[in-house]
Amino acid sequence: MKTEFLPEADQEFREAVRYYEEEAPGVGMSFIAEVHRAISFIGQNPFAAKAVGSGIRRKVLNHFPYNILYSVEPELIVIVAVAHQKRRPRYWQGRTKRLKERMDRTKD
């Protein structure tokens, strides 16, 4: 299944990579690999992760305190957030409305 990041989620991902790489060279690359593994799992098993409301599911990363929050759309997985587990819970919820509006526009 095709995967697409919302711009905000892509920015979060890049910021986390930058942070980890600055803290310890090579850890940013490990974070990238773990996110890619999680996205591959999601693509193969889109409904395996826990639903957290509003059509959003949460895949917990291994080895890093992050969640991948995503929506399963017809033929597309949309990554809504790459969210740290201990910071600003549910800050990403505002994105679900924009996601729905975006998906409605693509149906027309």
N, C-alpha and C. Protein backbone atom coordinates (compact mmCIF):
# COMPACT_ATOMS: atom_id res chain seq x y z
N MET A 1 0.84 -1.18 0.00
CA MET A 1 0.00 0.00 0.00
C MET A 1 0.89 1.25 0.00
N LYS A 2 0.51 2.26 -0.73
CA LYS A 2 1.27 3.50 -0.80
C LYS A 2 1.16 4.26 0.53
N THR A 3 2.23 4.95 0.90
CA THR A 3 2.28 5.70 2.15
C THR A 3 2.63 7.15 1.85
N GLU A 4 1.97 8.05 2.57
CA GLU A 4 2.22 9.48 2.40
C GLU A 4 2.22 10.14 3.77
N PHE A 5 3.15 11.04 4.00
CA PHE A 5 3.23 11.80 5.24
C PHE A 5 2.49 13.13 5.07
N LEU A 6 1.70 13.52 6.07
CA LEU A 6 1.25 14.90 6.10
C LEU A 6 2.49 15.77 6.28
N PRO A 7 2.50 16.99 5.76
CA PRO A 7 3.70 17.84 5.90
C PRO A 7 4.16 18.00 7.35
N GLU A 8 3.23 18.13 8.29
CA GLU A 8 3.59 18.28 9.70
C GLU A 8 4.27 17.02 10.23
N ALA A 9 3.79 15.86 9.80
CA ALA A 9 4.38 14.59 10.24
C ALA A 9 5.79 14.43 9.66
N ASP A 10 5.95 14.83 8.42
CA ASP A 10 7.27 14.77 7.79
C ASP A 10 8.25 15.68 8.54
N GLN A 11 7.80 16.85 8.92
CA GLN A 11 8.65 17.77 9.67
C GLN A 11 9.02 17.19 11.04
N GLU A 12 8.05 16.58 11.72
CA GLU A 12 8.33 15.94 13.02
C GLU A 12 9.36 14.83 12.86
N PHE A 13 9.21 14.05 11.83
CA PHE A 13 10.14 12.96 11.57
C PHE A 13 11.56 13.51 11.37
N ARG A 14 11.69 14.52 10.53
CA ARG A 14 13.00 15.11 10.25
C ARG A 14 13.62 15.73 11.51
N GLU A 15 12.80 16.39 12.31
CA GLU A 15 13.31 17.00 13.55
C GLU A 15 13.81 15.94 14.53
N ALA A 16 13.08 14.83 14.63
CA ALA A 16 13.51 13.76 15.52
C ALA A 16 14.82 13.15 15.03
N VAL A 17 14.94 12.95 13.73
CA VAL A 17 16.19 12.41 13.17
C VAL A 17 17.34 13.36 13.49
N ARG A 18 17.13 14.64 13.27
CA ARG A 18 18.17 15.63 13.54
C ARG A 18 18.57 15.62 15.01
N TYR A 19 17.57 15.58 15.88
CA TYR A 19 17.85 15.55 17.32
C TYR A 19 18.70 14.33 17.68
N TYR A 20 18.27 13.15 17.26
CA TYR A 20 19.00 11.93 17.62
C TYR A 20 20.41 11.94 17.03
N GLU A 21 20.54 12.42 15.82
CA GLU A 21 21.86 12.43 15.18
C GLU A 21 22.80 13.40 15.88
N GLU A 22 22.27 14.53 16.36
CA GLU A 22 23.10 15.49 17.10
C GLU A 22 23.51 14.93 18.46
N GLU A 23 22.64 14.17 19.09
CA GLU A 23 22.93 13.61 20.40
C GLU A 23 23.98 12.50 20.33
N ALA A 24 23.88 11.67 19.32
CA ALA A 24 24.82 10.56 19.17
C ALA A 24 24.83 10.14 17.69
N PRO A 25 25.93 10.43 17.00
CA PRO A 25 26.01 10.07 15.58
C PRO A 25 25.64 8.59 15.35
N GLY A 26 24.79 8.39 14.36
CA GLY A 26 24.33 7.04 14.02
C GLY A 26 22.97 6.71 14.58
N VAL A 27 22.59 7.36 15.68
CA VAL A 27 21.28 7.06 16.28
C VAL A 27 20.15 7.61 15.40
N GLY A 28 20.39 8.74 14.74
CA GLY A 28 19.40 9.27 13.81
C GLY A 28 19.10 8.28 12.69
N MET A 29 20.16 7.64 12.20
CA MET A 29 19.98 6.64 11.14
C MET A 29 19.22 5.43 11.67
N SER A 30 19.46 5.06 12.91
CA SER A 30 18.71 3.96 13.53
C SER A 30 17.23 4.32 13.66
N PHE A 31 16.97 5.58 13.99
CA PHE A 31 15.58 6.05 14.08
C PHE A 31 14.90 5.97 12.71
N ILE A 32 15.59 6.41 11.68
CA ILE A 32 15.04 6.33 10.32
C ILE A 32 14.70 4.88 9.99
N ALA A 33 15.63 3.97 10.28
CA ALA A 33 15.41 2.55 9.97
C ALA A 33 14.20 2.02 10.74
N GLU A 34 14.05 2.40 12.00
CA GLU A 34 12.92 1.93 12.79
C GLU A 34 11.59 2.48 12.27
N VAL A 35 11.58 3.74 11.87
CA VAL A 35 10.35 4.32 11.29
C VAL A 35 10.01 3.58 9.99
N HIS A 36 11.01 3.30 9.18
CA HIS A 36 10.76 2.58 7.92
C HIS A 36 10.24 1.17 8.18
N ARG A 37 10.78 0.51 9.21
CA ARG A 37 10.26 -0.83 9.57
C ARG A 37 8.80 -0.74 9.99
N ALA A 38 8.49 0.26 10.80
CA ALA A 38 7.11 0.43 11.27
C ALA A 38 6.16 0.71 10.10
N ILE A 39 6.59 1.54 9.19
CA ILE A 39 5.74 1.88 8.03
C ILE A 39 5.56 0.66 7.13
N SER A 40 6.60 -0.14 6.98
CA SER A 40 6.47 -1.38 6.21
C SER A 40 5.46 -2.31 6.87
N PHE A 41 5.54 -2.44 8.19
CA PHE A 41 4.58 -3.27 8.92
C PHE A 41 3.16 -2.73 8.72
N ILE A 42 3.00 -1.42 8.84
CA ILE A 42 1.68 -0.81 8.66
C ILE A 42 1.15 -1.09 7.26
N GLY A 43 2.01 -0.96 6.26
CA GLY A 43 1.59 -1.22 4.89
C GLY A 43 1.10 -2.65 4.67
N GLN A 44 1.72 -3.59 5.37
CA GLN A 44 1.34 -4.99 5.23
C GLN A 44 0.18 -5.37 6.15
N ASN A 45 0.02 -4.65 7.25
CA ASN A 45 -1.00 -4.95 8.26
C ASN A 45 -1.69 -3.66 8.71
N PRO A 46 -2.39 -2.97 7.82
CA PRO A 46 -2.88 -1.63 8.16
C PRO A 46 -3.83 -1.56 9.35
N PHE A 47 -4.52 -2.64 9.65
CA PHE A 47 -5.49 -2.60 10.75
C PHE A 47 -4.99 -3.30 12.02
N ALA A 48 -3.71 -3.65 12.05
CA ALA A 48 -3.16 -4.37 13.21
C ALA A 48 -2.90 -3.45 14.40
N ALA A 49 -2.58 -2.20 14.14
CA ALA A 49 -2.27 -1.27 15.24
C ALA A 49 -3.56 -0.80 15.91
N LYS A 50 -3.42 -0.38 17.14
CA LYS A 50 -4.57 0.03 17.96
C LYS A 50 -5.22 1.29 17.40
N ALA A 51 -6.55 1.26 17.31
CA ALA A 51 -7.32 2.45 16.93
C ALA A 51 -7.37 3.40 18.12
N VAL A 52 -7.13 4.68 17.87
CA VAL A 52 -7.13 5.66 18.95
C VAL A 52 -8.19 6.74 18.74
N GLY A 53 -9.10 6.51 17.80
CA GLY A 53 -10.21 7.43 17.58
C GLY A 53 -10.08 8.20 16.29
N SER A 54 -11.22 8.67 15.80
CA SER A 54 -11.29 9.50 14.58
C SER A 54 -10.64 8.84 13.37
N GLY A 55 -10.68 7.52 13.29
CA GLY A 55 -10.09 6.81 12.16
C GLY A 55 -8.58 6.76 12.19
N ILE A 56 -7.98 7.07 13.33
CA ILE A 56 -6.52 7.09 13.47
C ILE A 56 -6.07 5.86 14.25
N ARG A 57 -4.96 5.29 13.79
CA ARG A 57 -4.36 4.15 14.47
C ARG A 57 -2.96 4.53 14.94
N ARG A 58 -2.48 3.82 15.97
CA ARG A 58 -1.19 4.12 16.57
C ARG A 58 -0.28 2.89 16.53
N LYS A 59 0.86 3.04 15.87
CA LYS A 59 1.90 2.01 15.86
C LYS A 59 3.03 2.50 16.75
N VAL A 60 3.33 1.76 17.80
CA VAL A 60 4.40 2.10 18.73
C VAL A 60 5.73 1.64 18.14
N LEU A 61 6.71 2.53 18.14
CA LEU A 61 8.03 2.15 17.63
C LEU A 61 8.78 1.31 18.66
N ASN A 62 9.61 0.44 18.17
CA ASN A 62 10.55 -0.30 19.04
C ASN A 62 11.77 0.58 19.26
N HIS A 63 12.32 0.55 20.45
CA HIS A 63 13.60 1.18 20.79
C HIS A 63 13.56 2.71 20.88
N PHE A 64 12.47 3.35 20.51
CA PHE A 64 12.37 4.81 20.56
C PHE A 64 11.02 5.18 21.15
N PRO A 65 10.95 6.27 21.92
CA PRO A 65 9.69 6.66 22.56
C PRO A 65 8.78 7.46 21.62
N TYR A 66 8.48 6.88 20.48
CA TYR A 66 7.65 7.54 19.47
C TYR A 66 6.54 6.61 19.00
N ASN A 67 5.46 7.24 18.56
CA ASN A 67 4.35 6.55 17.92
C ASN A 67 4.20 7.08 16.50
N ILE A 68 3.79 6.19 15.61
CA ILE A 68 3.38 6.59 14.27
C ILE A 68 1.86 6.59 14.30
N LEU A 69 1.27 7.74 14.07
CA LEU A 69 -0.19 7.85 14.03
C LEU A 69 -0.59 7.96 12.56
N TYR A 70 -1.53 7.13 12.15
CA TYR A 70 -1.84 7.07 10.73
C TYR A 70 -3.32 6.78 10.49
N SER A 71 -3.71 7.07 9.26
CA SER A 71 -5.08 6.82 8.81
C SER A 71 -5.01 5.87 7.61
N VAL A 72 -5.92 4.93 7.57
CA VAL A 72 -6.00 4.00 6.44
C VAL A 72 -7.08 4.51 5.50
N GLU A 73 -6.65 4.93 4.32
CA GLU A 73 -7.55 5.41 3.28
C GLU A 73 -7.55 4.38 2.15
N PRO A 74 -8.51 4.45 1.26
CA PRO A 74 -8.48 3.50 0.14
C PRO A 74 -7.16 3.62 -0.62
N GLU A 75 -6.40 2.56 -0.65
CA GLU A 75 -5.13 2.46 -1.37
C GLU A 75 -4.06 3.42 -0.89
N LEU A 76 -4.20 3.96 0.34
CA LEU A 76 -3.22 4.92 0.85
C LEU A 76 -3.19 4.89 2.37
N ILE A 77 -1.98 4.88 2.92
CA ILE A 77 -1.77 5.07 4.35
C ILE A 77 -1.26 6.49 4.51
N VAL A 78 -1.94 7.29 5.34
CA VAL A 78 -1.51 8.67 5.57
C VAL A 78 -0.92 8.75 6.97
N ILE A 79 0.35 9.11 7.05
CA ILE A 79 1.01 9.31 8.34
C ILE A 79 0.61 10.69 8.83
N VAL A 80 -0.11 10.71 9.94
CA VAL A 80 -0.65 11.95 10.51
C VAL A 80 0.36 12.60 11.45
N ALA A 81 1.10 11.79 12.19
CA ALA A 81 2.08 12.33 13.15
C ALA A 81 3.15 11.30 13.46
N VAL A 82 4.33 11.82 13.74
CA VAL A 82 5.42 11.04 14.31
C VAL A 82 5.59 11.67 15.69
N ALA A 83 4.89 11.10 16.67
CA ALA A 83 4.68 11.76 17.96
C ALA A 83 5.49 11.13 19.08
N HIS A 84 6.18 11.97 19.82
CA HIS A 84 6.88 11.52 21.02
C HIS A 84 5.83 11.09 22.04
N GLN A 85 6.08 10.00 22.71
CA GLN A 85 5.08 9.43 23.63
C GLN A 85 4.88 10.25 24.89
N LYS A 86 5.82 11.10 25.27
CA LYS A 86 5.72 11.83 26.53
C LYS A 86 5.48 13.32 26.36
N ARG A 87 5.35 13.79 25.14
CA ARG A 87 5.20 15.23 24.91
C ARG A 87 3.84 15.53 24.28
N ARG A 88 3.21 16.54 24.74
CA ARG A 88 1.97 17.08 24.17
C ARG A 88 1.00 16.00 23.68
N PRO A 89 0.41 15.25 24.58
CA PRO A 89 -0.51 14.19 24.14
C PRO A 89 -1.66 14.76 23.31
N ARG A 90 -1.97 14.07 22.26
CA ARG A 90 -3.11 14.36 21.38
C ARG A 90 -3.03 15.70 20.65
N TYR A 91 -1.87 16.32 20.59
CA TYR A 91 -1.71 17.59 19.87
C TYR A 91 -2.07 17.44 18.40
N TRP A 92 -1.94 16.26 17.87
CA TRP A 92 -2.14 15.97 16.45
C TRP A 92 -3.61 15.88 16.05
N GLN A 93 -4.52 15.89 17.01
CA GLN A 93 -5.94 15.67 16.69
C GLN A 93 -6.50 16.70 15.72
N GLY A 94 -6.02 17.92 15.77
CA GLY A 94 -6.48 18.93 14.82
C GLY A 94 -6.20 18.56 13.38
N ARG A 95 -5.24 17.72 13.17
CA ARG A 95 -4.88 17.31 11.81
C ARG A 95 -5.93 16.38 11.20
N THR A 96 -6.69 15.70 12.03
CA THR A 96 -7.66 14.74 11.50
C THR A 96 -8.76 15.44 10.72
N LYS A 97 -9.15 16.63 11.14
CA LYS A 97 -10.17 17.39 10.40
C LYS A 97 -9.63 17.78 9.03
N ARG A 98 -8.40 18.28 8.99
CA ARG A 98 -7.79 18.65 7.71
C ARG A 98 -7.60 17.42 6.83
N LEU A 99 -7.27 16.30 7.44
CA LEU A 99 -7.11 15.06 6.68
C LEU A 99 -8.43 14.66 6.04
N LYS A 100 -9.50 14.72 6.82
CA LYS A 100 -10.83 14.38 6.28
C LYS A 100 -11.21 15.30 5.14
N GLU A 101 -10.99 16.60 5.31
CA GLU A 101 -11.29 17.56 4.25
C GLU A 101 -10.48 17.26 2.99
N ARG A 102 -9.23 16.93 3.20
CA ARG A 102 -8.35 16.60 2.07
C ARG A 102 -8.83 15.36 1.34
N MET A 103 -9.20 14.34 2.08
CA MET A 103 -9.68 13.10 1.46
C MET A 103 -11.01 13.34 0.73
N ASP A 104 -11.86 14.18 1.31
CA ASP A 104 -13.13 14.50 0.65
C ASP A 104 -12.89 15.21 -0.68
N ARG A 105 -11.89 16.09 -0.73
CA ARG A 105 -11.56 16.79 -1.99
C ARG A 105 -11.05 15.83 -3.05
N THR A 106 -10.29 14.82 -2.64
CA THR A 106 -9.74 13.89 -3.62
C THR A 106 -10.81 12.96 -4.18
N LYS A 107 -11.90 12.79 -3.45
CA LYS A 107 -13.00 11.95 -3.93
C LYS A 107 -13.79 12.63 -5.05
N ASP A 108 -13.79 13.96 -5.02
CA ASP A 108 -14.58 14.72 -6.02
C ASP A 108 -13.94 14.71 -7.38
